[in-house]
Amino acid sequence: MTTPRYQQASRRFLVQARAGLTAGDLIQASGKGWGAAAQMLKAVAEERGWEHGRRRHLSRVASRVRSETGDRDVYRWFQVAESLHGNFYEDQMSAEDIAESLNDVQALLARLATLLNWV
């Protein structure tokens, strides 16, 4: 995929995550929240020529962005997104926790988008 397609997928997944949360489908909300973060990290990685084909690569992307920008929130928000990924399988988070996590994912997307000149 291309950087713009990753960006579009990221935005679409965040909308779907919020819709899932509203509908009470916490598992889907969690999965789509993770997907939104993953796709935007892939957009950044694609633009920079970094590996992003495996989940472990996404952690490296978040770490590299933190190093590049000095923004520690990027990695923290990535870890929040990873907790959503885990919740997709375990279904242990409350709706309130997922809502807060989706807010962090939204902040992550906004921050990463500035690196891509996408607003």
PDB file of N, CA and C in Angstrom:
ATOM      1  N   MET A   1       0.838  -1.187   0.000  1.00  0.00           N
ATOM      2  CA  MET A   1       0.000   0.000   0.000  1.00  0.00           C
ATOM      3  C   MET A   1       0.880   1.247   0.000  1.00  0.00           C
ATOM      4  N   THR A   2       0.298   2.348  -0.342  1.00  0.00           N
ATOM      5  CA  THR A   2       1.001   3.625  -0.361  1.00  0.00           C
ATOM      6  C   THR A   2       0.728   4.402   0.925  1.00  0.00           C
ATOM      7  N   THR A   3       1.551   5.393   1.158  1.00  0.00           N
ATOM      8  CA  THR A   3       1.364   6.223   2.348  1.00  0.00           C
ATOM      9  C   THR A   3      -0.046   6.814   2.419  1.00  0.00           C
ATOM     10  N   PRO A   4      -0.583   7.403   1.339  1.00  0.00           N
ATOM     11  CA  PRO A   4      -1.949   7.939   1.429  1.00  0.00           C
ATOM     12  C   PRO A   4      -2.994   6.869   1.735  1.00  0.00           C
ATOM     13  N   ARG A   5      -2.808   5.678   1.210  1.00  0.00           N
ATOM     14  CA  ARG A   5      -3.783   4.613   1.484  1.00  0.00           C
ATOM     15  C   ARG A   5      -3.719   4.174   2.939  1.00  0.00           C
ATOM     16  N   TYR A   6      -2.523   4.110   3.502  1.00  0.00           N
ATOM     17  CA  TYR A   6      -2.401   3.803   4.933  1.00  0.00           C
ATOM     18  C   TYR A   6      -3.102   4.882   5.760  1.00  0.00           C
ATOM     19  N   GLN A   7      -2.923   6.133   5.377  1.00  0.00           N
ATOM     20  CA  GLN A   7      -3.569   7.235   6.094  1.00  0.00           C
ATOM     21  C   GLN A   7      -5.086   7.111   6.022  1.00  0.00           C
ATOM     22  N   GLN A   8      -5.597   6.831   4.851  1.00  0.00           N
ATOM     23  CA  GLN A   8      -7.047   6.689   4.681  1.00  0.00           C
ATOM     24  C   GLN A   8      -7.583   5.532   5.512  1.00  0.00           C
ATOM     25  N   ALA A   9      -6.865   4.418   5.484  1.00  0.00           N
ATOM     26  CA  ALA A   9      -7.289   3.259   6.278  1.00  0.00           C
ATOM     27  C   ALA A   9      -7.290   3.600   7.761  1.00  0.00           C
ATOM     28  N   SER A  10      -6.282   4.332   8.196  1.00  0.00           N
ATOM     29  CA  SER A  10      -6.185   4.726   9.598  1.00  0.00           C
ATOM     30  C   SER A  10      -7.403   5.545  10.021  1.00  0.00           C
ATOM     31  N   ARG A  11      -7.742   6.535   9.222  1.00  0.00           N
ATOM     32  CA  ARG A  11      -8.907   7.374   9.547  1.00  0.00           C
ATOM     33  C   ARG A  11     -10.193   6.550   9.563  1.00  0.00           C
ATOM     34  N   ARG A  12     -10.331   5.678   8.567  1.00  0.00           N
ATOM     35  CA  ARG A  12     -11.532   4.837   8.476  1.00  0.00           C
ATOM     36  C   ARG A  12     -11.646   3.928   9.697  1.00  0.00           C
ATOM     37  N   PHE A  13     -10.530   3.325  10.107  1.00  0.00           N
ATOM     38  CA  PHE A  13     -10.552   2.435  11.267  1.00  0.00           C
ATOM     39  C   PHE A  13     -10.918   3.182  12.543  1.00  0.00           C
ATOM     40  N   LEU A  14     -10.444   4.413  12.701  1.00  0.00           N
ATOM     41  CA  LEU A  14     -10.796   5.159  13.911  1.00  0.00           C
ATOM     42  C   LEU A  14     -12.295   5.458  13.942  1.00  0.00           C
ATOM     43  N   VAL A  15     -12.858   5.821  12.807  1.00  0.00           N
ATOM     44  CA  VAL A  15     -14.309   6.046  12.732  1.00  0.00           C
ATOM     45  C   VAL A  15     -15.051   4.758  13.084  1.00  0.00           C
ATOM     46  N   GLN A  16     -14.590   3.638  12.547  1.00  0.00           N
ATOM     47  CA  GLN A  16     -15.225   2.348  12.825  1.00  0.00           C
ATOM     48  C   GLN A  16     -15.065   1.959  14.290  1.00  0.00           C
ATOM     49  N   ALA A  17     -13.929   2.296  14.887  1.00  0.00           N
ATOM     50  CA  ALA A  17     -13.713   1.998  16.307  1.00  0.00           C
ATOM     51  C   ALA A  17     -14.715   2.752  17.169  1.00  0.00           C
ATOM     52  N   ARG A  18     -14.899   4.013  16.876  1.00  0.00           N
ATOM     53  CA  ARG A  18     -15.856   4.810  17.656  1.00  0.00           C
ATOM     54  C   ARG A  18     -17.282   4.314  17.443  1.00  0.00           C
ATOM     55  N   ALA A  19     -17.603   3.907  16.231  1.00  0.00           N
ATOM     56  CA  ALA A  19     -18.939   3.354  15.958  1.00  0.00           C
ATOM     57  C   ALA A  19     -19.138   2.053  16.724  1.00  0.00           C
ATOM     58  N   GLY A  20     -18.110   1.222  16.761  1.00  0.00           N
ATOM     59  CA  GLY A  20     -18.189  -0.024  17.522  1.00  0.00           C
ATOM     60  C   GLY A  20     -18.391   0.236  18.998  1.00  0.00           C
ATOM     61  N   LEU A  21     -17.689   1.221  19.517  1.00  0.00           N
ATOM     62  CA  LEU A  21     -17.839   1.581  20.927  1.00  0.00           C
ATOM     63  C   LEU A  21     -19.266   2.049  21.207  1.00  0.00           C
ATOM     64  N   THR A  22     -19.785   2.897  20.354  1.00  0.00           N
ATOM     65  CA  THR A  22     -21.159   3.395  20.511  1.00  0.00           C
ATOM     66  C   THR A  22     -22.167   2.256  20.474  1.00  0.00           C
ATOM     67  N   ALA A  23     -21.900   1.271  19.623  1.00  0.00           N
ATOM     68  CA  ALA A  23     -22.807   0.125  19.483  1.00  0.00           C
ATOM     69  C   ALA A  23     -22.617  -0.904  20.593  1.00  0.00           C
ATOM     70  N   GLY A  24     -21.614  -0.705  21.442  1.00  0.00           N
ATOM     71  CA  GLY A  24     -21.356  -1.657  22.518  1.00  0.00           C
ATOM     72  C   GLY A  24     -20.507  -2.839  22.104  1.00  0.00           C
ATOM     73  N   ASP A  25     -19.939  -2.792  20.913  1.00  0.00           N
ATOM     74  CA  ASP A  25     -19.076  -3.873  20.429  1.00  0.00           C
ATOM     75  C   ASP A  25     -17.636  -3.534  20.802  1.00  0.00           C
ATOM     76  N   LEU A  26     -17.290  -3.854  22.038  1.00  0.00           N
ATOM     77  CA  LEU A  26     -15.996  -3.447  22.583  1.00  0.00           C
ATOM     78  C   LEU A  26     -14.832  -4.164  21.913  1.00  0.00           C
ATOM     79  N   ILE A  27     -15.057  -5.383  21.495  1.00  0.00           N
ATOM     80  CA  ILE A  27     -13.989  -6.126  20.819  1.00  0.00           C
ATOM     81  C   ILE A  27     -13.658  -5.470  19.482  1.00  0.00           C
ATOM     82  N   GLN A  28     -14.688  -5.150  18.701  1.00  0.00           N
ATOM     83  CA  GLN A  28     -14.449  -4.485  17.418  1.00  0.00           C
ATOM     84  C   GLN A  28     -13.858  -3.094  17.618  1.00  0.00           C
ATOM     85  N   ALA A  29     -14.339  -2.379  18.608  1.00  0.00           N
ATOM     86  CA  ALA A  29     -13.793  -1.048  18.887  1.00  0.00           C
ATOM     87  C   ALA A  29     -12.302  -1.141  19.194  1.00  0.00           C
ATOM     88  N   SER A  30     -11.931  -2.151  19.961  1.00  0.00           N
ATOM     89  CA  SER A  30     -10.523  -2.342  20.308  1.00  0.00           C
ATOM     90  C   SER A  30      -9.693  -2.688  19.083  1.00  0.00           C
ATOM     91  N   GLY A  31     -10.175  -3.629  18.305  1.00  0.00           N
ATOM     92  CA  GLY A  31      -9.440  -4.053  17.114  1.00  0.00           C
ATOM     93  C   GLY A  31      -9.268  -2.932  16.111  1.00  0.00           C
ATOM     94  N   LYS A  32     -10.315  -2.174  15.900  1.00  0.00           N
ATOM     95  CA  LYS A  32     -10.240  -1.070  14.940  1.00  0.00           C
ATOM     96  C   LYS A  32      -9.372   0.065  15.476  1.00  0.00           C
ATOM     97  N   GLY A  33      -9.381   0.270  16.789  1.00  0.00           N
ATOM     98  CA  GLY A  33      -8.504   1.279  17.375  1.00  0.00           C
ATOM     99  C   GLY A  33      -7.044   0.930  17.161  1.00  0.00           C
ATOM    100  N   TRP A  34      -6.710  -0.342  17.393  1.00  0.00           N
ATOM    101  CA  TRP A  34      -5.351  -0.806  17.122  1.00  0.00           C
ATOM    102  C   TRP A  34      -5.035  -0.635  15.644  1.00  0.00           C
ATOM    103  N   GLY A  35      -5.963  -1.026  14.795  1.00  0.00           N
ATOM    104  CA  GLY A  35      -5.740  -0.922  13.356  1.00  0.00           C
ATOM    105  C   GLY A  35      -5.484   0.505  12.912  1.00  0.00           C
ATOM    106  N   ALA A  36      -6.196   1.453  13.504  1.00  0.00           N
ATOM    107  CA  ALA A  36      -5.993   2.862  13.159  1.00  0.00           C
ATOM    108  C   ALA A  36      -4.564   3.293  13.467  1.00  0.00           C
ATOM    109  N   ALA A  37      -4.083   2.926  14.648  1.00  0.00           N
ATOM    110  CA  ALA A  37      -2.714   3.280  15.028  1.00  0.00           C
ATOM    111  C   ALA A  37      -1.702   2.581  14.131  1.00  0.00           C
ATOM    112  N   ALA A  38      -1.910   1.303  13.898  1.00  0.00           N
ATOM    113  CA  ALA A  38      -0.974   0.528  13.082  1.00  0.00           C
ATOM    114  C   ALA A  38      -0.869   1.092  11.671  1.00  0.00           C
ATOM    115  N   GLN A  39      -1.993   1.434  11.080  1.00  0.00           N
ATOM    116  CA  GLN A  39      -1.973   1.942   9.709  1.00  0.00           C
ATOM    117  C   GLN A  39      -1.253   3.288   9.608  1.00  0.00           C
ATOM    118  N   MET A  40      -1.424   4.148  10.605  1.00  0.00           N
ATOM    119  CA  MET A  40      -0.733   5.436  10.545  1.00  0.00           C
ATOM    120  C   MET A  40       0.765   5.261  10.775  1.00  0.00           C
ATOM    121  N   LEU A  41       1.139   4.338  11.652  1.00  0.00           N
ATOM    122  CA  LEU A  41       2.564   4.045  11.824  1.00  0.00           C
ATOM    123  C   LEU A  41       3.149   3.491  10.532  1.00  0.00           C
ATOM    124  N   LYS A  42       2.393   2.666   9.842  1.00  0.00           N
ATOM    125  CA  LYS A  42       2.838   2.139   8.554  1.00  0.00           C
ATOM    126  C   LYS A  42       3.002   3.264   7.533  1.00  0.00           C
ATOM    127  N   ALA A  43       2.125   4.261   7.575  1.00  0.00           N
ATOM    128  CA  ALA A  43       2.248   5.403   6.662  1.00  0.00           C
ATOM    129  C   ALA A  43       3.574   6.125   6.881  1.00  0.00           C
ATOM    130  N   VAL A  44       3.902   6.365   8.142  1.00  0.00           N
ATOM    131  CA  VAL A  44       5.167   7.027   8.465  1.00  0.00           C
ATOM    132  C   VAL A  44       6.338   6.159   8.017  1.00  0.00           C
ATOM    133  N   ALA A  45       6.273   4.883   8.330  1.00  0.00           N
ATOM    134  CA  ALA A  45       7.357   3.970   7.962  1.00  0.00           C
ATOM    135  C   ALA A  45       7.522   3.886   6.450  1.00  0.00           C
ATOM    136  N   GLU A  46       6.431   3.800   5.745  1.00  0.00           N
ATOM    137  CA  GLU A  46       6.481   3.713   4.285  1.00  0.00           C
ATOM    138  C   GLU A  46       7.166   4.947   3.700  1.00  0.00           C
ATOM    139  N   GLU A  47       6.789   6.104   4.194  1.00  0.00           N
ATOM    140  CA  GLU A  47       7.366   7.347   3.678  1.00  0.00           C
ATOM    141  C   GLU A  47       8.869   7.432   3.944  1.00  0.00           C
ATOM    142  N   ARG A  48       9.303   6.861   5.059  1.00  0.00           N
ATOM    143  CA  ARG A  48      10.715   6.938   5.430  1.00  0.00           C
ATOM    144  C   ARG A  48      11.529   5.734   4.962  1.00  0.00           C
ATOM    145  N   GLY A  49      10.868   4.757   4.372  1.00  0.00           N
ATOM    146  CA  GLY A  49      11.578   3.568   3.907  1.00  0.00           C
ATOM    147  C   GLY A  49      11.934   2.599   5.022  1.00  0.00           C
ATOM    148  N   TRP A  50      11.205   2.666   6.136  1.00  0.00           N
ATOM    149  CA  TRP A  50      11.450   1.778   7.267  1.00  0.00           C
ATOM    150  C   TRP A  50      10.606   0.519   7.124  1.00  0.00           C
ATOM    151  N   GLU A  51      11.101  -0.567   7.702  1.00  0.00           N
ATOM    152  CA  GLU A  51      10.330  -1.816   7.711  1.00  0.00           C
ATOM    153  C   GLU A  51       9.043  -1.625   8.510  1.00  0.00           C
ATOM    154  N   HIS A  52       7.979  -2.274   8.029  1.00  0.00           N
ATOM    155  CA  HIS A  52       6.714  -2.185   8.759  1.00  0.00           C
ATOM    156  C   HIS A  52       5.813  -3.382   8.489  1.00  0.00           C
ATOM    157  N   GLY A  53       6.378  -4.452   7.990  1.00  0.00           N
ATOM    158  CA  GLY A  53       5.575  -5.608   7.612  1.00  0.00           C
ATOM    159  C   GLY A  53       5.133  -6.498   8.759  1.00  0.00           C
ATOM    160  N   ARG A  54       5.746  -6.371   9.902  1.00  0.00           N
ATOM    161  CA  ARG A  54       5.402  -7.203  11.057  1.00  0.00           C
ATOM    162  C   ARG A  54       5.057  -6.312  12.247  1.00  0.00           C
ATOM    163  N   ARG A  55       4.329  -6.897  13.161  1.00  0.00           N
ATOM    164  CA  ARG A  55       3.903  -6.130  14.340  1.00  0.00           C
ATOM    165  C   ARG A  55       5.102  -5.572  15.104  1.00  0.00           C
ATOM    166  N   ARG A  56       6.146  -6.348  15.243  1.00  0.00           N
ATOM    167  CA  ARG A  56       7.317  -5.871  15.996  1.00  0.00           C
ATOM    168  C   ARG A  56       7.951  -4.651  15.327  1.00  0.00           C
ATOM    169  N   HIS A  57       7.803  -4.550  14.008  1.00  0.00           N
ATOM    170  CA  HIS A  57       8.344  -3.387  13.316  1.00  0.00           C
ATOM    171  C   HIS A  57       7.631  -2.106  13.744  1.00  0.00           C
ATOM    172  N   LEU A  58       6.355  -2.224  14.067  1.00  0.00           N
ATOM    173  CA  LEU A  58       5.597  -1.032  14.451  1.00  0.00           C
ATOM    174  C   LEU A  58       6.113  -0.443  15.761  1.00  0.00           C
ATOM    175  N   SER A  59       6.532  -1.305  16.675  1.00  0.00           N
ATOM    176  CA  SER A  59       7.141  -0.825  17.913  1.00  0.00           C
ATOM    177  C   SER A  59       8.421  -0.057  17.598  1.00  0.00           C
ATOM    178  N   ARG A  60       9.183  -0.574  16.658  1.00  0.00           N
ATOM    179  CA  ARG A  60      10.420   0.110  16.259  1.00  0.00           C
ATOM    180  C   ARG A  60      10.117   1.447  15.588  1.00  0.00           C
ATOM    181  N   VAL A  61       9.071   1.475  14.787  1.00  0.00           N
ATOM    182  CA  VAL A  61       8.681   2.736  14.144  1.00  0.00           C
ATOM    183  C   VAL A  61       8.333   3.771  15.210  1.00  0.00           C
ATOM    184  N   ALA A  62       7.513   3.385  16.178  1.00  0.00           N
ATOM    185  CA  ALA A  62       7.136   4.317  17.247  1.00  0.00           C
ATOM    186  C   ALA A  62       8.369   4.796  18.011  1.00  0.00           C
ATOM    187  N   SER A  63       9.291   3.896  18.263  1.00  0.00           N
ATOM    188  CA  SER A  63      10.516   4.253  18.969  1.00  0.00           C
ATOM    189  C   SER A  63      11.375   5.210  18.136  1.00  0.00           C
ATOM    190  N   ARG A  64      11.475   4.933  16.843  1.00  0.00           N
ATOM    191  CA  ARG A  64      12.267   5.804  15.967  1.00  0.00           C
ATOM    192  C   ARG A  64      11.642   7.194  15.862  1.00  0.00           C
ATOM    193  N   VAL A  65      10.321   7.246  15.798  1.00  0.00           N
ATOM    194  CA  VAL A  65       9.651   8.549  15.746  1.00  0.00           C
ATOM    195  C   VAL A  65       9.910   9.307  17.045  1.00  0.00           C
ATOM    196  N   ARG A  66       9.844   8.607  18.165  1.00  0.00           N
ATOM    197  CA  ARG A  66      10.140   9.252  19.455  1.00  0.00           C
ATOM    198  C   ARG A  66      11.557   9.826  19.438  1.00  0.00           C
ATOM    199  N   SER A  67      12.515   9.048  18.948  1.00  0.00           N
ATOM    200  CA  SER A  67      13.900   9.517  18.877  1.00  0.00           C
ATOM    201  C   SER A  67      14.056  10.685  17.912  1.00  0.00           C
ATOM    202  N   GLU A  68      13.376  10.597  16.789  1.00  0.00           N
ATOM    203  CA  GLU A  68      13.467  11.629  15.751  1.00  0.00           C
ATOM    204  C   GLU A  68      12.877  12.958  16.212  1.00  0.00           C
ATOM    205  N   THR A  69      11.787  12.888  16.954  1.00  0.00           N
ATOM    206  CA  THR A  69      11.053  14.103  17.321  1.00  0.00           C
ATOM    207  C   THR A  69      11.259  14.534  18.770  1.00  0.00           C
ATOM    208  N   GLY A  70      11.732  13.618  19.604  1.00  0.00           N
ATOM    209  CA  GLY A  70      11.833  13.901  21.030  1.00  0.00           C
ATOM    210  C   GLY A  70      10.492  13.851  21.747  1.00  0.00           C
ATOM    211  N   ASP A  71       9.476  13.376  21.049  1.00  0.00           N
ATOM    212  CA  ASP A  71       8.111  13.345  21.589  1.00  0.00           C
ATOM    213  C   ASP A  71       7.841  11.988  22.241  1.00  0.00           C
ATOM    214  N   ARG A  72       7.905  11.955  23.562  1.00  0.00           N
ATOM    215  CA  ARG A  72       7.704  10.693  24.273  1.00  0.00           C
ATOM    216  C   ARG A  72       6.256  10.229  24.262  1.00  0.00           C
ATOM    217  N   ASP A  73       5.332  11.140  24.015  1.00  0.00           N
ATOM    218  CA  ASP A  73       3.926  10.743  23.940  1.00  0.00           C
ATOM    219  C   ASP A  73       3.678   9.755  22.807  1.00  0.00           C
ATOM    220  N   VAL A  74       4.421   9.879  21.725  1.00  0.00           N
ATOM    221  CA  VAL A  74       4.213   8.984  20.579  1.00  0.00           C
ATOM    222  C   VAL A  74       4.343   7.535  21.011  1.00  0.00           C
ATOM    223  N   TYR A  75       5.393   7.203  21.736  1.00  0.00           N
ATOM    224  CA  TYR A  75       5.580   5.807  22.143  1.00  0.00           C
ATOM    225  C   TYR A  75       4.554   5.405  23.202  1.00  0.00           C
ATOM    226  N   ARG A  76       4.231   6.322  24.098  1.00  0.00           N
ATOM    227  CA  ARG A  76       3.224   6.024  25.119  1.00  0.00           C
ATOM    228  C   ARG A  76       1.877   5.741  24.467  1.00  0.00           C
ATOM    229  N   TRP A  77       1.492   6.573  23.511  1.00  0.00           N
ATOM    230  CA  TRP A  77       0.221   6.354  22.821  1.00  0.00           C
ATOM    231  C   TRP A  77       0.243   5.055  22.024  1.00  0.00           C
ATOM    232  N   PHE A  78       1.402   4.713  21.471  1.00  0.00           N
ATOM    233  CA  PHE A  78       1.529   3.431  20.778  1.00  0.00           C
ATOM    234  C   PHE A  78       1.265   2.285  21.755  1.00  0.00           C
ATOM    235  N   GLN A  79       1.796   2.383  22.960  1.00  0.00           N
ATOM    236  CA  GLN A  79       1.565   1.336  23.951  1.00  0.00           C
ATOM    237  C   GLN A  79       0.088   1.241  24.325  1.00  0.00           C
ATOM    238  N   VAL A  80      -0.597   2.359  24.379  1.00  0.00           N
ATOM    239  CA  VAL A  80      -2.045   2.340  24.615  1.00  0.00           C
ATOM    240  C   VAL A  80      -2.734   1.593  23.480  1.00  0.00           C
ATOM    241  N   ALA A  81      -2.331   1.877  22.247  1.00  0.00           N
ATOM    242  CA  ALA A  81      -2.911   1.175  21.092  1.00  0.00           C
ATOM    243  C   ALA A  81      -2.644  -0.321  21.181  1.00  0.00           C
ATOM    244  N   GLU A  82      -1.450  -0.697  21.636  1.00  0.00           N
ATOM    245  CA  GLU A  82      -1.153  -2.120  21.803  1.00  0.00           C
ATOM    246  C   GLU A  82      -2.069  -2.761  22.839  1.00  0.00           C
ATOM    247  N   SER A  83      -2.452  -2.009  23.862  1.00  0.00           N
ATOM    248  CA  SER A  83      -3.384  -2.567  24.851  1.00  0.00           C
ATOM    249  C   SER A  83      -4.743  -2.833  24.207  1.00  0.00           C
ATOM    250  N   LEU A  84      -5.133  -2.011  23.248  1.00  0.00           N
ATOM    251  CA  LEU A  84      -6.370  -2.274  22.506  1.00  0.00           C
ATOM    252  C   LEU A  84      -6.239  -3.552  21.683  1.00  0.00           C
ATOM    253  N   HIS A  85      -5.071  -3.747  21.108  1.00  0.00           N
ATOM    254  CA  HIS A  85      -4.828  -4.976  20.339  1.00  0.00           C
ATOM    255  C   HIS A  85      -4.994  -6.199  21.244  1.00  0.00           C
ATOM    256  N   GLY A  86      -4.424  -6.131  22.436  1.00  0.00           N
ATOM    257  CA  GLY A  86      -4.580  -7.225  23.390  1.00  0.00           C
ATOM    258  C   GLY A  86      -6.023  -7.420  23.809  1.00  0.00           C
ATOM    259  N   ASN A  87      -6.748  -6.328  23.955  1.00  0.00           N
ATOM    260  CA  ASN A  87      -8.143  -6.431  24.358  1.00  0.00           C
ATOM    261  C   ASN A  87      -9.005  -7.073  23.280  1.00  0.00           C
ATOM    262  N   PHE A  88      -8.606  -6.949  22.036  1.00  0.00           N
ATOM    263  CA  PHE A  88      -9.329  -7.604  20.950  1.00  0.00           C
ATOM    264  C   PHE A  88      -9.405  -9.108  21.215  1.00  0.00           C
ATOM    265  N   TYR A  89      -8.357  -9.662  21.814  1.00  0.00           N
ATOM    266  CA  TYR A  89      -8.308 -11.099  22.099  1.00  0.00           C
ATOM    267  C   TYR A  89      -8.832 -11.448  23.485  1.00  0.00           C
ATOM    268  N   GLU A  90      -8.660 -10.558  24.448  1.00  0.00           N
ATOM    269  CA  GLU A  90      -8.970 -10.888  25.839  1.00  0.00           C
ATOM    270  C   GLU A  90     -10.279 -10.303  26.356  1.00  0.00           C
ATOM    271  N   ASP A  91     -10.775  -9.239  25.762  1.00  0.00           N
ATOM    272  CA  ASP A  91     -12.045  -8.612  26.149  1.00  0.00           C
ATOM    273  C   ASP A  91     -12.099  -8.318  27.650  1.00  0.00           C
ATOM    274  N   GLN A  92     -11.093  -7.601  28.139  1.00  0.00           N
ATOM    275  CA  GLN A  92     -11.020  -7.300  29.569  1.00  0.00           C
ATOM    276  C   GLN A  92     -11.214  -5.823  29.898  1.00  0.00           C
ATOM    277  N   MET A  93     -11.189  -4.957  28.896  1.00  0.00           N
ATOM    278  CA  MET A  93     -11.278  -3.521  29.149  1.00  0.00           C
ATOM    279  C   MET A  93     -12.733  -3.065  29.198  1.00  0.00           C
ATOM    280  N   SER A  94     -12.985  -2.075  30.021  1.00  0.00           N
ATOM    281  CA  SER A  94     -14.327  -1.491  30.095  1.00  0.00           C
ATOM    282  C   SER A  94     -14.533  -0.536  28.919  1.00  0.00           C
ATOM    283  N   ALA A  95     -15.778  -0.192  28.684  1.00  0.00           N
ATOM    284  CA  ALA A  95     -16.099   0.773  27.627  1.00  0.00           C
ATOM    285  C   ALA A  95     -15.404   2.109  27.899  1.00  0.00           C
ATOM    286  N   GLU A  96     -15.369   2.509  29.163  1.00  0.00           N
ATOM    287  CA  GLU A  96     -14.710   3.768  29.521  1.00  0.00           C
ATOM    288  C   GLU A  96     -13.218   3.719  29.205  1.00  0.00           C
ATOM    289  N   ASP A  97     -12.576   2.595  29.536  1.00  0.00           N
ATOM    290  CA  ASP A  97     -11.147   2.447  29.244  1.00  0.00           C
ATOM    291  C   ASP A  97     -10.892   2.480  27.740  1.00  0.00           C
ATOM    292  N   ILE A  98     -11.758   1.837  26.984  1.00  0.00           N
ATOM    293  CA  ILE A  98     -11.597   1.821  25.530  1.00  0.00           C
ATOM    294  C   ILE A  98     -11.800   3.223  24.967  1.00  0.00           C
ATOM    295  N   ALA A  99     -12.787   3.938  25.474  1.00  0.00           N
ATOM    296  CA  ALA A  99     -13.032   5.309  25.007  1.00  0.00           C
ATOM    297  C   ALA A  99     -11.806   6.186  25.247  1.00  0.00           C
ATOM    298  N   GLU A 100     -11.224   6.094  26.437  1.00  0.00           N
ATOM    299  CA  GLU A 100     -10.021   6.875  26.739  1.00  0.00           C
ATOM    300  C   GLU A 100      -8.865   6.458  25.840  1.00  0.00           C
ATOM    301  N   SER A 101      -8.751   5.166  25.606  1.00  0.00           N
ATOM    302  CA  SER A 101      -7.688   4.663  24.738  1.00  0.00           C
ATOM    303  C   SER A 101      -7.862   5.163  23.311  1.00  0.00           C
ATOM    304  N   LEU A 102      -9.098   5.201  22.835  1.00  0.00           N
ATOM    305  CA  LEU A 102      -9.346   5.711  21.481  1.00  0.00           C
ATOM    306  C   LEU A 102      -9.005   7.197  21.383  1.00  0.00           C
ATOM    307  N   ASN A 103      -9.196   7.931  22.470  1.00  0.00           N
ATOM    308  CA  ASN A 103      -8.773   9.339  22.481  1.00  0.00           C
ATOM    309  C   ASN A 103      -7.261   9.444  22.332  1.00  0.00           C
ATOM    310  N   ASP A 104      -6.534   8.549  23.000  1.00  0.00           N
ATOM    311  CA  ASP A 104      -5.074   8.534  22.861  1.00  0.00           C
ATOM    312  C   ASP A 104      -4.663   8.138  21.447  1.00  0.00           C
ATOM    313  N   VAL A 105      -5.359   7.174  20.873  1.00  0.00           N
ATOM    314  CA  VAL A 105      -5.066   6.777  19.492  1.00  0.00           C
ATOM    315  C   VAL A 105      -5.306   7.962  18.558  1.00  0.00           C
ATOM    316  N   GLN A 106      -6.382   8.689  18.785  1.00  0.00           N
ATOM    317  CA  GLN A 106      -6.660   9.865  17.957  1.00  0.00           C
ATOM    318  C   GLN A 106      -5.530  10.886  18.079  1.00  0.00           C
ATOM    319  N   ALA A 107      -5.027  11.082  19.283  1.00  0.00           N
ATOM    320  CA  ALA A 107      -3.906  12.001  19.489  1.00  0.00           C
ATOM    321  C   ALA A 107      -2.663  11.498  18.761  1.00  0.00           C
ATOM    322  N   LEU A 108      -2.428  10.183  18.804  1.00  0.00           N
ATOM    323  CA  LEU A 108      -1.293   9.602  18.097  1.00  0.00           C
ATOM    324  C   LEU A 108      -1.410   9.850  16.598  1.00  0.00           C
ATOM    325  N   LEU A 109      -2.593   9.613  16.045  1.00  0.00           N
ATOM    326  CA  LEU A 109      -2.794   9.820  14.613  1.00  0.00           C
ATOM    327  C   LEU A 109      -2.535  11.277  14.234  1.00  0.00           C
ATOM    328  N   ALA A 110      -3.030  12.185  15.047  1.00  0.00           N
ATOM    329  CA  ALA A 110      -2.833  13.607  14.759  1.00  0.00           C
ATOM    330  C   ALA A 110      -1.350  13.967  14.781  1.00  0.00           C
ATOM    331  N   ARG A 111      -0.639  13.450  15.763  1.00  0.00           N
ATOM    332  CA  ARG A 111       0.793  13.751  15.868  1.00  0.00           C
ATOM    333  C   ARG A 111       1.558  13.154  14.692  1.00  0.00           C
ATOM    334  N   LEU A 112       1.267  11.903  14.357  1.00  0.00           N
ATOM    335  CA  LEU A 112       1.960  11.266  13.237  1.00  0.00           C
ATOM    336  C   LEU A 112       1.621  11.944  11.918  1.00  0.00           C
ATOM    337  N   ALA A 113       0.391  12.402  11.787  1.00  0.00           N
ATOM    338  CA  ALA A 113      -0.027  13.066  10.546  1.00  0.00           C
ATOM    339  C   ALA A 113       0.804  14.313  10.284  1.00  0.00           C
ATOM    340  N   THR A 114       1.219  15.003  11.342  1.00  0.00           N
ATOM    341  CA  THR A 114       2.031  16.207  11.137  1.00  0.00           C
ATOM    342  C   THR A 114       3.378  15.861  10.522  1.00  0.00           C
ATOM    343  N   LEU A 115       3.826  14.641  10.731  1.00  0.00           N
ATOM    344  CA  LEU A 115       5.085  14.204  10.127  1.00  0.00           C
ATOM    345  C   LEU A 115       4.920  13.923   8.642  1.00  0.00           C
ATOM    346  N   LEU A 116       3.685  13.758   8.226  1.00  0.00           N
ATOM    347  CA  LEU A 116       3.386  13.435   6.833  1.00  0.00           C
ATOM    348  C   LEU A 116       2.783  14.621   6.093  1.00  0.00           C
ATOM    349  N   ASN A 117       2.726  15.761   6.754  1.00  0.00           N
ATOM    350  CA  ASN A 117       2.083  16.944   6.179  1.00  0.00           C
ATOM    351  C   ASN A 117       0.644  16.671   5.789  1.00  0.00           C
ATOM    352  N   TRP A 118      -0.011  15.845   6.588  1.00  0.00           N
ATOM    353  CA  TRP A 118      -1.421  15.507   6.375  1.00  0.00           C
ATOM    354  C   TRP A 118      -2.188  16.014   7.573  1.00  0.00           C
ATOM    355  N   VAL A 119      -3.168  16.828   7.358  1.00  0.00           N
ATOM    356  CA  VAL A 119      -3.936  17.388   8.472  1.00  0.00           C
ATOM    357  C   VAL A 119      -5.394  17.069   8.290  1.00  0.00           C
TER     358      VAL A 119
END
